[in-house]
Structure formats: structure tokens, C-alpha cells
Amino acid sequence: MKAYIMGNYTEKAFQGFLKDPNTDRKAVVEQLTKSMGGTMHSMDIVRGSYDFVVVAELTSFDDFAAIKLVVEGSGAVKNLTMLEAIDFSKATAKAGKIGYKAPGQ
């Protein structure tokens, strides 16, 4: 599954960046993703509600949950959130087969 993973660095992480500004976080995230059998496509530091966005292929939500436990447990990241890409054509085809009517219709 294609996943968009967002999160925030903690104060602990920012202190680490200041101590060693050359730390390659992309390499660490790529290795972590590989350890779960996945592939990291990109990682960007972003401006907004989250500090970073990772685009990756993972085999299951359980793989993301394992990564979340390890990374948030380290104290370096918080609010790790995943959005799973879906095939909207398949979803709408299935929805078209559901005979749902809203109340009063």
C-alpha cells in the first residue's frame, strides 16, 4: 500500500539536530522502512501542521503501527500519522452496488 506519513519532531529531536546538523534523517527513515519490507520514495521537511512528510510503500497498516511504536517510543517524534492511498475507482464501483437510501428518501 502507498502511504503518506506525517509527523512532528519533538524538542529532543530538535536538540539532536542542533548538536549535529549533518544528521541524515532520510537515511534513517529509509532503513527503518526497509526493515519492515517497505520502500521509501521520498521524505520532505515541510512547513505547516507537520514537520515532515514521507511517501512510502508498506505491506500493511501493521507495519506502520510497528514503526509508530518504535519511533514515538524513542521520544524523537510525535503525532505520527498515516494516510493510505486508495483506488477511488474501485471504491466508487463498490459504492454503486450498495442499495443505500438516506432516511426520508
PDB file of N, CA and C in Angstrom:
ATOM      1  N   MET A   1       0.835  -1.180   0.000  1.00  0.00           N
ATOM      2  CA  MET A   1       0.000   0.000   0.000  1.00  0.00           C
ATOM      3  C   MET A   1       0.879   1.242   0.000  1.00  0.00           C
ATOM      4  N   LYS A   2       0.416   2.242  -0.720  1.00  0.00           N
ATOM      5  CA  LYS A   2       1.139   3.516  -0.735  1.00  0.00           C
ATOM      6  C   LYS A   2       0.665   4.330   0.463  1.00  0.00           C
ATOM      7  N   ALA A   3       1.624   4.860   1.200  1.00  0.00           N
ATOM      8  CA  ALA A   3       1.301   5.584   2.427  1.00  0.00           C
ATOM      9  C   ALA A   3       1.964   6.949   2.440  1.00  0.00           C
ATOM     10  N   TYR A   4       1.226   7.915   2.942  1.00  0.00           N
ATOM     11  CA  TYR A   4       1.738   9.258   3.195  1.00  0.00           C
ATOM     12  C   TYR A   4       1.822   9.377   4.707  1.00  0.00           C
ATOM     13  N   ILE A   5       3.037   9.502   5.216  1.00  0.00           N
ATOM     14  CA  ILE A   5       3.262   9.503   6.661  1.00  0.00           C
ATOM     15  C   ILE A   5       3.758  10.884   7.075  1.00  0.00           C
ATOM     16  N   MET A   6       3.064  11.467   8.038  1.00  0.00           N
ATOM     17  CA  MET A   6       3.411  12.796   8.526  1.00  0.00           C
ATOM     18  C   MET A   6       3.669  12.727  10.022  1.00  0.00           C
ATOM     19  N   GLY A   7       4.480  13.649  10.501  1.00  0.00           N
ATOM     20  CA  GLY A   7       4.734  13.682  11.926  1.00  0.00           C
ATOM     21  C   GLY A   7       5.418  14.961  12.340  1.00  0.00           C
ATOM     22  N   ASN A   8       5.627  15.061  13.628  1.00  0.00           N
ATOM     23  CA  ASN A   8       6.292  16.223  14.220  1.00  0.00           C
ATOM     24  C   ASN A   8       7.497  15.770  15.013  1.00  0.00           C
ATOM     25  N   TYR A   9       8.567  16.539  14.905  1.00  0.00           N
ATOM     26  CA  TYR A   9       9.740  16.302  15.735  1.00  0.00           C
ATOM     27  C   TYR A   9       9.474  16.864  17.131  1.00  0.00           C
ATOM     28  N   THR A  10      10.085  16.256  18.114  1.00  0.00           N
ATOM     29  CA  THR A  10       9.967  16.735  19.492  1.00  0.00           C
ATOM     30  C   THR A  10      11.153  17.647  19.809  1.00  0.00           C
ATOM     31  N   GLU A  11      11.102  18.235  20.986  1.00  0.00           N
ATOM     32  CA  GLU A  11      12.208  19.074  21.437  1.00  0.00           C
ATOM     33  C   GLU A  11      13.501  18.257  21.484  1.00  0.00           C
ATOM     34  N   LYS A  12      13.383  16.987  21.874  1.00  0.00           N
ATOM     35  CA  LYS A  12      14.546  16.100  21.925  1.00  0.00           C
ATOM     36  C   LYS A  12      15.184  15.974  20.542  1.00  0.00           C
ATOM     37  N   ALA A  13      14.373  15.822  19.526  1.00  0.00           N
ATOM     38  CA  ALA A  13      14.899  15.720  18.153  1.00  0.00           C
ATOM     39  C   ALA A  13      15.553  17.026  17.724  1.00  0.00           C
ATOM     40  N   PHE A  14      14.906  18.155  18.007  1.00  0.00           N
ATOM     41  CA  PHE A  14      15.479  19.446  17.616  1.00  0.00           C
ATOM     42  C   PHE A  14      16.838  19.675  18.293  1.00  0.00           C
ATOM     43  N   GLN A  15      16.958  19.258  19.557  1.00  0.00           N
ATOM     44  CA  GLN A  15      18.244  19.376  20.244  1.00  0.00           C
ATOM     45  C   GLN A  15      19.303  18.536  19.533  1.00  0.00           C
ATOM     46  N   GLY A  16      18.916  17.341  19.068  1.00  0.00           N
ATOM     47  CA  GLY A  16      19.839  16.490  18.328  1.00  0.00           C
ATOM     48  C   GLY A  16      20.267  17.121  17.011  1.00  0.00           C
ATOM     49  N   PHE A  17      19.321  17.769  16.313  1.00  0.00           N
ATOM     50  CA  PHE A  17      19.657  18.448  15.056  1.00  0.00           C
ATOM     51  C   PHE A  17      20.635  19.591  15.294  1.00  0.00           C
ATOM     52  N   LEU A  18      20.435  20.334  16.378  1.00  0.00           N
ATOM     53  CA  LEU A  18      21.337  21.444  16.682  1.00  0.00           C
ATOM     54  C   LEU A  18      22.732  20.935  17.050  1.00  0.00           C
ATOM     55  N   LYS A  19      22.771  19.811  17.751  1.00  0.00           N
ATOM     56  CA  LYS A  19      24.055  19.229  18.150  1.00  0.00           C
ATOM     57  C   LYS A  19      24.811  18.699  16.922  1.00  0.00           C
ATOM     58  N   ASP A  20      24.079  18.075  15.976  1.00  0.00           N
ATOM     59  CA  ASP A  20      24.702  17.533  14.767  1.00  0.00           C
ATOM     60  C   ASP A  20      23.821  17.867  13.564  1.00  0.00           C
ATOM     61  N   PRO A  21      23.994  19.063  12.984  1.00  0.00           N
ATOM     62  CA  PRO A  21      23.148  19.497  11.864  1.00  0.00           C
ATOM     63  C   PRO A  21      23.285  18.642  10.605  1.00  0.00           C
ATOM     64  N   ASN A  22      24.318  17.819  10.523  1.00  0.00           N
ATOM     65  CA  ASN A  22      24.529  16.989   9.339  1.00  0.00           C
ATOM     66  C   ASN A  22      23.873  15.613   9.436  1.00  0.00           C
ATOM     67  N   THR A  23      23.084  15.382  10.478  1.00  0.00           N
ATOM     68  CA  THR A  23      22.406  14.108  10.622  1.00  0.00           C
ATOM     69  C   THR A  23      21.498  13.867   9.418  1.00  0.00           C
ATOM     70  N   ASP A  24      21.633  12.705   8.786  1.00  0.00           N
ATOM     71  CA  ASP A  24      20.842  12.358   7.607  1.00  0.00           C
ATOM     72  C   ASP A  24      19.608  11.575   8.039  1.00  0.00           C
ATOM     73  N   ARG A  25      18.533  12.279   8.318  1.00  0.00           N
ATOM     74  CA  ARG A  25      17.301  11.627   8.770  1.00  0.00           C
ATOM     75  C   ARG A  25      16.664  10.799   7.667  1.00  0.00           C
ATOM     76  N   LYS A  26      16.832  11.205   6.416  1.00  0.00           N
ATOM     77  CA  LYS A  26      16.260  10.429   5.303  1.00  0.00           C
ATOM     78  C   LYS A  26      16.838   9.020   5.281  1.00  0.00           C
ATOM     79  N   ALA A  27      18.131   8.888   5.499  1.00  0.00           N
ATOM     80  CA  ALA A  27      18.765   7.573   5.506  1.00  0.00           C
ATOM     81  C   ALA A  27      18.213   6.701   6.632  1.00  0.00           C
ATOM     82  N   VAL A  28      17.985   7.311   7.787  1.00  0.00           N
ATOM     83  CA  VAL A  28      17.440   6.576   8.927  1.00  0.00           C
ATOM     84  C   VAL A  28      16.019   6.106   8.623  1.00  0.00           C
ATOM     85  N   VAL A  29      15.202   6.990   8.061  1.00  0.00           N
ATOM     86  CA  VAL A  29      13.819   6.632   7.730  1.00  0.00           C
ATOM     87  C   VAL A  29      13.788   5.561   6.635  1.00  0.00           C
ATOM     88  N   GLU A  30      14.671   5.690   5.663  1.00  0.00           N
ATOM     89  CA  GLU A  30      14.733   4.686   4.594  1.00  0.00           C
ATOM     90  C   GLU A  30      15.097   3.314   5.154  1.00  0.00           C
ATOM     91  N   GLN A  31      16.057   3.261   6.055  1.00  0.00           N
ATOM     92  CA  GLN A  31      16.454   1.988   6.664  1.00  0.00           C
ATOM     93  C   GLN A  31      15.323   1.408   7.511  1.00  0.00           C
ATOM     94  N   LEU A  32      14.644   2.249   8.247  1.00  0.00           N
ATOM     95  CA  LEU A  32      13.515   1.805   9.065  1.00  0.00           C
ATOM     96  C   LEU A  32      12.409   1.222   8.178  1.00  0.00           C
ATOM     97  N   THR A  33      12.121   1.891   7.072  1.00  0.00           N
ATOM     98  CA  THR A  33      11.102   1.417   6.138  1.00  0.00           C
ATOM     99  C   THR A  33      11.516   0.079   5.531  1.00  0.00           C
ATOM    100  N   LYS A  34      12.776  -0.031   5.136  1.00  0.00           N
ATOM    101  CA  LYS A  34      13.292  -1.292   4.570  1.00  0.00           C
ATOM    102  C   LYS A  34      13.196  -2.427   5.578  1.00  0.00           C
ATOM    103  N   SER A  35      13.439  -2.132   6.847  1.00  0.00           N
ATOM    104  CA  SER A  35      13.408  -3.174   7.873  1.00  0.00           C
ATOM    105  C   SER A  35      12.022  -3.794   8.006  1.00  0.00           C
ATOM    106  N   MET A  36      10.998  -3.071   7.548  1.00  0.00           N
ATOM    107  CA  MET A  36       9.632  -3.587   7.581  1.00  0.00           C
ATOM    108  C   MET A  36       9.208  -4.130   6.212  1.00  0.00           C
ATOM    109  N   GLY A  37      10.168  -4.249   5.289  1.00  0.00           N
ATOM    110  CA  GLY A  37       9.860  -4.777   3.965  1.00  0.00           C
ATOM    111  C   GLY A  37       9.271  -3.750   3.022  1.00  0.00           C
ATOM    112  N   GLY A  38       9.377  -2.484   3.381  1.00  0.00           N
ATOM    113  CA  GLY A  38       8.808  -1.414   2.568  1.00  0.00           C
ATOM    114  C   GLY A  38       9.852  -0.657   1.776  1.00  0.00           C
ATOM    115  N   THR A  39       9.369   0.340   1.047  1.00  0.00           N
ATOM    116  CA  THR A  39      10.227   1.197   0.234  1.00  0.00           C
ATOM    117  C   THR A  39       9.869   2.649   0.502  1.00  0.00           C
ATOM    118  N   MET A  40      10.869   3.469   0.774  1.00  0.00           N
ATOM    119  CA  MET A  40      10.635   4.903   0.927  1.00  0.00           C
ATOM    120  C   MET A  40      10.867   5.577  -0.422  1.00  0.00           C
ATOM    121  N   HIS A  41       9.889   6.339  -0.878  1.00  0.00           N
ATOM    122  CA  HIS A  41      10.015   7.062  -2.141  1.00  0.00           C
ATOM    123  C   HIS A  41      10.579   8.459  -1.939  1.00  0.00           C
ATOM    124  N   SER A  42      10.151   9.128  -0.869  1.00  0.00           N
ATOM    125  CA  SER A  42      10.633  10.477  -0.611  1.00  0.00           C
ATOM    126  C   SER A  42      10.382  10.858   0.841  1.00  0.00           C
ATOM    127  N   MET A  43      11.135  11.861   1.263  1.00  0.00           N
ATOM    128  CA  MET A  43      10.923  12.461   2.581  1.00  0.00           C
ATOM    129  C   MET A  43      11.241  13.939   2.452  1.00  0.00           C
ATOM    130  N   ASP A  44      10.307  14.752   2.893  1.00  0.00           N
ATOM    131  CA  ASP A  44      10.493  16.195   2.839  1.00  0.00           C
ATOM    132  C   ASP A  44      10.188  16.817   4.182  1.00  0.00           C
ATOM    133  N   ILE A  45      10.980  17.809   4.540  1.00  0.00           N
ATOM    134  CA  ILE A  45      10.683  18.655   5.688  1.00  0.00           C
ATOM    135  C   ILE A  45       9.714  19.709   5.154  1.00  0.00           C
ATOM    136  N   VAL A  46       8.617  19.930   5.863  1.00  0.00           N
ATOM    137  CA  VAL A  46       7.568  20.813   5.353  1.00  0.00           C
ATOM    138  C   VAL A  46       7.201  21.882   6.375  1.00  0.00           C
ATOM    139  N   ARG A  47       6.541  22.890   5.877  1.00  0.00           N
ATOM    140  CA  ARG A  47       6.059  23.972   6.726  1.00  0.00           C
ATOM    141  C   ARG A  47       4.570  23.771   6.910  1.00  0.00           C
ATOM    142  N   GLY A  48       4.086  23.862   8.127  1.00  0.00           N
ATOM    143  CA  GLY A  48       2.661  23.700   8.386  1.00  0.00           C
ATOM    144  C   GLY A  48       2.432  22.924   9.664  1.00  0.00           C
ATOM    145  N   SER A  49       1.347  22.170   9.704  1.00  0.00           N
ATOM    146  CA  SER A  49       0.966  21.428  10.909  1.00  0.00           C
ATOM    147  C   SER A  49       1.919  20.290  11.234  1.00  0.00           C
ATOM    148  N   TYR A  50       2.608  19.783  10.221  1.00  0.00           N
ATOM    149  CA  TYR A  50       3.566  18.695  10.412  1.00  0.00           C
ATOM    150  C   TYR A  50       4.963  19.181  10.051  1.00  0.00           C
ATOM    151  N   ASP A  51       5.972  18.493  10.577  1.00  0.00           N
ATOM    152  CA  ASP A  51       7.364  18.855  10.287  1.00  0.00           C
ATOM    153  C   ASP A  51       7.926  18.094   9.091  1.00  0.00           C
ATOM    154  N   PHE A  52       7.377  16.911   8.817  1.00  0.00           N
ATOM    155  CA  PHE A  52       7.882  16.111   7.701  1.00  0.00           C
ATOM    156  C   PHE A  52       6.768  15.275   7.081  1.00  0.00           C
ATOM    157  N   VAL A  53       6.992  14.908   5.817  1.00  0.00           N
ATOM    158  CA  VAL A  53       6.091  14.016   5.090  1.00  0.00           C
ATOM    159  C   VAL A  53       6.957  12.967   4.401  1.00  0.00           C
ATOM    160  N   VAL A  54       6.590  11.709   4.579  1.00  0.00           N
ATOM    161  CA  VAL A  54       7.269  10.591   3.941  1.00  0.00           C
ATOM    162  C   VAL A  54       6.271   9.906   3.018  1.00  0.00           C
ATOM    163  N   VAL A  55       6.699   9.585   1.803  1.00  0.00           N
ATOM    164  CA  VAL A  55       5.894   8.786   0.888  1.00  0.00           C
ATOM    165  C   VAL A  55       6.574   7.429   0.813  1.00  0.00           C
ATOM    166  N   ALA A  56       5.827   6.381   1.131  1.00  0.00           N
ATOM    167  CA  ALA A  56       6.411   5.041   1.195  1.00  0.00           C
ATOM    168  C   ALA A  56       5.421   3.987   0.725  1.00  0.00           C
ATOM    169  N   GLU A  57       5.962   2.834   0.377  1.00  0.00           N
ATOM    170  CA  GLU A  57       5.161   1.635   0.110  1.00  0.00           C
ATOM    171  C   GLU A  57       5.362   0.721   1.311  1.00  0.00           C
ATOM    172  N   LEU A  58       4.275   0.318   1.930  1.00  0.00           N
ATOM    173  CA  LEU A  58       4.320  -0.613   3.056  1.00  0.00           C
ATOM    174  C   LEU A  58       3.412  -1.792   2.731  1.00  0.00           C
ATOM    175  N   THR A  59       3.665  -2.923   3.378  1.00  0.00           N
ATOM    176  CA  THR A  59       2.846  -4.096   3.082  1.00  0.00           C
ATOM    177  C   THR A  59       1.537  -4.112   3.858  1.00  0.00           C
ATOM    178  N   SER A  60       1.487  -3.413   4.985  1.00  0.00           N
ATOM    179  CA  SER A  60       0.245  -3.417   5.771  1.00  0.00           C
ATOM    180  C   SER A  60       0.225  -2.260   6.760  1.00  0.00           C
ATOM    181  N   PHE A  61      -0.951  -2.001   7.304  1.00  0.00           N
ATOM    182  CA  PHE A  61      -1.074  -0.992   8.347  1.00  0.00           C
ATOM    183  C   PHE A  61      -0.293  -1.424   9.590  1.00  0.00           C
ATOM    184  N   ASP A  62      -0.224  -2.735   9.831  1.00  0.00           N
ATOM    185  CA  ASP A  62       0.527  -3.238  10.982  1.00  0.00           C
ATOM    186  C   ASP A  62       1.993  -2.825  10.921  1.00  0.00           C
ATOM    187  N   ASP A  63       2.551  -2.773   9.699  1.00  0.00           N
ATOM    188  CA  ASP A  63       3.938  -2.319   9.550  1.00  0.00           C
ATOM    189  C   ASP A  63       4.069  -0.866   9.998  1.00  0.00           C
ATOM    190  N   PHE A  64       3.108  -0.031   9.602  1.00  0.00           N
ATOM    191  CA  PHE A  64       3.130   1.359  10.046  1.00  0.00           C
ATOM    192  C   PHE A  64       2.994   1.430  11.565  1.00  0.00           C
ATOM    193  N   ALA A  65       2.096   0.628  12.125  1.00  0.00           N
ATOM    194  CA  ALA A  65       1.892   0.643  13.578  1.00  0.00           C
ATOM    195  C   ALA A  65       3.185   0.278  14.308  1.00  0.00           C
ATOM    196  N   ALA A  66       3.930  -0.690  13.772  1.00  0.00           N
ATOM    197  CA  ALA A  66       5.206  -1.075  14.386  1.00  0.00           C
ATOM    198  C   ALA A  66       6.207   0.077  14.324  1.00  0.00           C
ATOM    199  N   ILE A  67       6.270   0.731  13.170  1.00  0.00           N
ATOM    200  CA  ILE A  67       7.163   1.883  13.015  1.00  0.00           C
ATOM    201  C   ILE A  67       6.764   2.985  13.990  1.00  0.00           C
ATOM    202  N   LYS A  68       5.467   3.241  14.110  1.00  0.00           N
ATOM    203  CA  LYS A  68       4.969   4.276  15.023  1.00  0.00           C
ATOM    204  C   LYS A  68       5.389   3.973  16.466  1.00  0.00           C
ATOM    205  N   LEU A  69       5.240   2.722  16.877  1.00  0.00           N
ATOM    206  CA  LEU A  69       5.621   2.342  18.242  1.00  0.00           C
ATOM    207  C   LEU A  69       7.102   2.601  18.511  1.00  0.00           C
ATOM    208  N   VAL A  70       7.940   2.214  17.554  1.00  0.00           N
ATOM    209  CA  VAL A  70       9.386   2.367  17.730  1.00  0.00           C
ATOM    210  C   VAL A  70       9.795   3.837  17.711  1.00  0.00           C
ATOM    211  N   VAL A  71       9.291   4.583  16.728  1.00  0.00           N
ATOM    212  CA  VAL A  71       9.731   5.968  16.544  1.00  0.00           C
ATOM    213  C   VAL A  71       9.184   6.879  17.638  1.00  0.00           C
ATOM    214  N   GLU A  72       7.887   6.762  17.932  1.00  0.00           N
ATOM    215  CA  GLU A  72       7.340   7.607  19.002  1.00  0.00           C
ATOM    216  C   GLU A  72       7.882   7.180  20.353  1.00  0.00           C
ATOM    217  N   GLY A  73       8.156   5.885  20.521  1.00  0.00           N
ATOM    218  CA  GLY A  73       8.733   5.391  21.767  1.00  0.00           C
ATOM    219  C   GLY A  73      10.128   5.934  22.027  1.00  0.00           C
ATOM    220  N   SER A  74      10.827   6.333  20.951  1.00  0.00           N
ATOM    221  CA  SER A  74      12.175   6.893  21.112  1.00  0.00           C
ATOM    222  C   SER A  74      12.148   8.291  21.703  1.00  0.00           C
ATOM    223  N   GLY A  75      10.984   8.952  21.616  1.00  0.00           N
ATOM    224  CA  GLY A  75      10.877  10.316  22.121  1.00  0.00           C
ATOM    225  C   GLY A  75      11.284  11.383  21.119  1.00  0.00           C
ATOM    226  N   ALA A  76      11.648  10.988  19.895  1.00  0.00           N
ATOM    227  CA  ALA A  76      12.110  11.951  18.891  1.00  0.00           C
ATOM    228  C   ALA A  76      10.993  12.469  17.996  1.00  0.00           C
ATOM    229  N   VAL A  77       9.896  11.715  17.917  1.00  0.00           N
ATOM    230  CA  VAL A  77       8.790  12.068  17.016  1.00  0.00           C
ATOM    231  C   VAL A  77       7.481  11.930  17.766  1.00  0.00           C
ATOM    232  N   LYS A  78       6.522  12.778  17.407  1.00  0.00           N
ATOM    233  CA  LYS A  78       5.171  12.672  17.961  1.00  0.00           C
ATOM    234  C   LYS A  78       4.178  12.908  16.819  1.00  0.00           C
ATOM    235  N   ASN A  79       2.923  12.559  17.056  1.00  0.00           N
ATOM    236  CA  ASN A  79       1.843  12.769  16.082  1.00  0.00           C
ATOM    237  C   ASN A  79       2.092  12.060  14.758  1.00  0.00           C
ATOM    238  N   LEU A  80       2.732  10.894  14.785  1.00  0.00           N
ATOM    239  CA  LEU A  80       2.972  10.158  13.547  1.00  0.00           C
ATOM    240  C   LEU A  80       1.631   9.686  12.999  1.00  0.00           C
ATOM    241  N   THR A  81       1.298  10.131  11.812  1.00  0.00           N
ATOM    242  CA  THR A  81       0.001   9.895  11.193  1.00  0.00           C
ATOM    243  C   THR A  81       0.210   9.330   9.800  1.00  0.00           C
ATOM    244  N   MET A  82      -0.651   8.385   9.405  1.00  0.00           N
ATOM    245  CA  MET A  82      -0.539   7.800   8.077  1.00  0.00           C
ATOM    246  C   MET A  82      -1.848   7.957   7.309  1.00  0.00           C
ATOM    247  N   LEU A  83      -1.719   8.363   6.058  1.00  0.00           N
ATOM    248  CA  LEU A  83      -2.836   8.360   5.125  1.00  0.00           C
ATOM    249  C   LEU A  83      -2.543   7.304   4.079  1.00  0.00           C
ATOM    250  N   GLU A  84      -3.481   6.399   3.861  1.00  0.00           N
ATOM    251  CA  GLU A  84      -3.301   5.335   2.875  1.00  0.00           C
ATOM    252  C   GLU A  84      -3.942   5.745   1.557  1.00  0.00           C
ATOM    253  N   ALA A  85      -3.186   5.643   0.470  1.00  0.00           N
ATOM    254  CA  ALA A  85      -3.741   5.932  -0.855  1.00  0.00           C
ATOM    255  C   ALA A  85      -4.731   4.835  -1.216  1.00  0.00           C
ATOM    256  N   ILE A  86      -5.830   5.231  -1.844  1.00  0.00           N
ATOM    257  CA  ILE A  86      -6.840   4.251  -2.237  1.00  0.00           C
ATOM    258  C   ILE A  86      -7.112   4.352  -3.731  1.00  0.00           C
ATOM    259  N   ASP A  87      -7.694   3.296  -4.276  1.00  0.00           N
ATOM    260  CA  ASP A  87      -8.133   3.295  -5.671  1.00  0.00           C
ATOM    261  C   ASP A  87      -9.579   3.788  -5.661  1.00  0.00           C
ATOM    262  N   PHE A  88      -9.767   5.062  -5.969  1.00  0.00           N
ATOM    263  CA  PHE A  88     -11.091   5.669  -5.862  1.00  0.00           C
ATOM    264  C   PHE A  88     -12.078   5.056  -6.858  1.00  0.00           C
ATOM    265  N   SER A  89     -11.603   4.609  -8.003  1.00  0.00           N
ATOM    266  CA  SER A  89     -12.487   3.958  -8.983  1.00  0.00           C
ATOM    267  C   SER A  89     -13.086   2.684  -8.405  1.00  0.00           C
ATOM    268  N   LYS A  90     -12.272   1.891  -7.710  1.00  0.00           N
ATOM    269  CA  LYS A  90     -12.783   0.668  -7.083  1.00  0.00           C
ATOM    270  C   LYS A  90     -13.793   1.000  -5.993  1.00  0.00           C
ATOM    271  N   ALA A  91     -13.483   2.031  -5.209  1.00  0.00           N
ATOM    272  CA  ALA A  91     -14.387   2.416  -4.124  1.00  0.00           C
ATOM    273  C   ALA A  91     -15.732   2.877  -4.671  1.00  0.00           C
ATOM    274  N   THR A  92     -15.722   3.686  -5.732  1.00  0.00           N
ATOM    275  CA  THR A  92     -16.992   4.166  -6.285  1.00  0.00           C
ATOM    276  C   THR A  92     -17.757   3.038  -6.963  1.00  0.00           C
ATOM    277  N   ALA A  93     -17.055   2.091  -7.578  1.00  0.00           N
ATOM    278  CA  ALA A  93     -17.735   0.937  -8.187  1.00  0.00           C
ATOM    279  C   ALA A  93     -18.443   0.113  -7.116  1.00  0.00           C
ATOM    280  N   LYS A  94     -17.786  -0.104  -5.998  1.00  0.00           N
ATOM    281  CA  LYS A  94     -18.411  -0.835  -4.895  1.00  0.00           C
ATOM    282  C   LYS A  94     -19.568  -0.045  -4.307  1.00  0.00           C
ATOM    283  N   ALA A  95     -19.385   1.258  -4.163  1.00  0.00           N
ATOM    284  CA  ALA A  95     -20.446   2.099  -3.591  1.00  0.00           C
ATOM    285  C   ALA A  95     -21.687   2.067  -4.474  1.00  0.00           C
ATOM    286  N   GLY A  96     -21.494   1.999  -5.796  1.00  0.00           N
ATOM    287  CA  GLY A  96     -22.620   1.951  -6.717  1.00  0.00           C
ATOM    288  C   GLY A  96     -23.470   0.703  -6.575  1.00  0.00           C
ATOM    289  N   LYS A  97     -22.910  -0.343  -5.972  1.00  0.00           N
ATOM    290  CA  LYS A  97     -23.624  -1.609  -5.786  1.00  0.00           C
ATOM    291  C   LYS A  97     -24.385  -1.666  -4.467  1.00  0.00           C
ATOM    292  N   ILE A  98     -24.177  -0.665  -3.631  1.00  0.00           N
ATOM    293  CA  ILE A  98     -24.855  -0.636  -2.325  1.00  0.00           C
ATOM    294  C   ILE A  98     -26.201   0.055  -2.508  1.00  0.00           C
ATOM    295  N   GLY A  99     -27.236  -0.574  -2.086  1.00  0.00           N
ATOM    296  CA  GLY A  99     -28.570  -0.009  -2.258  1.00  0.00           C
ATOM    297  C   GLY A  99     -28.987   0.896  -1.113  1.00  0.00           C
ATOM    298  N   TYR A 100     -28.147   1.825  -0.732  1.00  0.00           N
ATOM    299  CA  TYR A 100     -28.427   2.706   0.399  1.00  0.00           C
ATOM    300  C   TYR A 100     -29.313   3.863  -0.018  1.00  0.00           C
ATOM    301  N   LYS A 101     -30.275   4.167   0.836  1.00  0.00           N
ATOM    302  CA  LYS A 101     -31.086   5.372   0.670  1.00  0.00           C
ATOM    303  C   LYS A 101     -31.089   6.096   2.003  1.00  0.00           C
ATOM    304  N   ALA A 102     -30.906   7.404   1.950  1.00  0.00           N
ATOM    305  CA  ALA A 102     -30.932   8.225   3.162  1.00  0.00           C
ATOM    306  C   ALA A 102     -32.338   8.205   3.761  1.00  0.00           C
ATOM    307  N   PRO A 103     -32.454   8.402   5.054  1.00  0.00           N
ATOM    308  CA  PRO A 103     -33.784   8.445   5.681  1.00  0.00           C
ATOM    309  C   PRO A 103     -34.676   9.488   5.002  1.00  0.00           C
ATOM    310  N   GLY A 104     -35.905   9.103   4.736  1.00  0.00           N
ATOM    311  CA  GLY A 104     -36.854  10.016   4.120  1.00  0.00           C
ATOM    312  C   GLY A 104     -36.820  10.030   2.608  1.00  0.00           C
ATOM    313  N   GLN A 105     -35.970   9.228   1.985  1.00  0.00           N
ATOM    314  CA  GLN A 105     -35.900   9.201   0.520  1.00  0.00           C
ATOM    315  C   GLN A 105     -36.642   8.020  -0.036  1.00  0.00           C
TER     316      GLN A 105
END
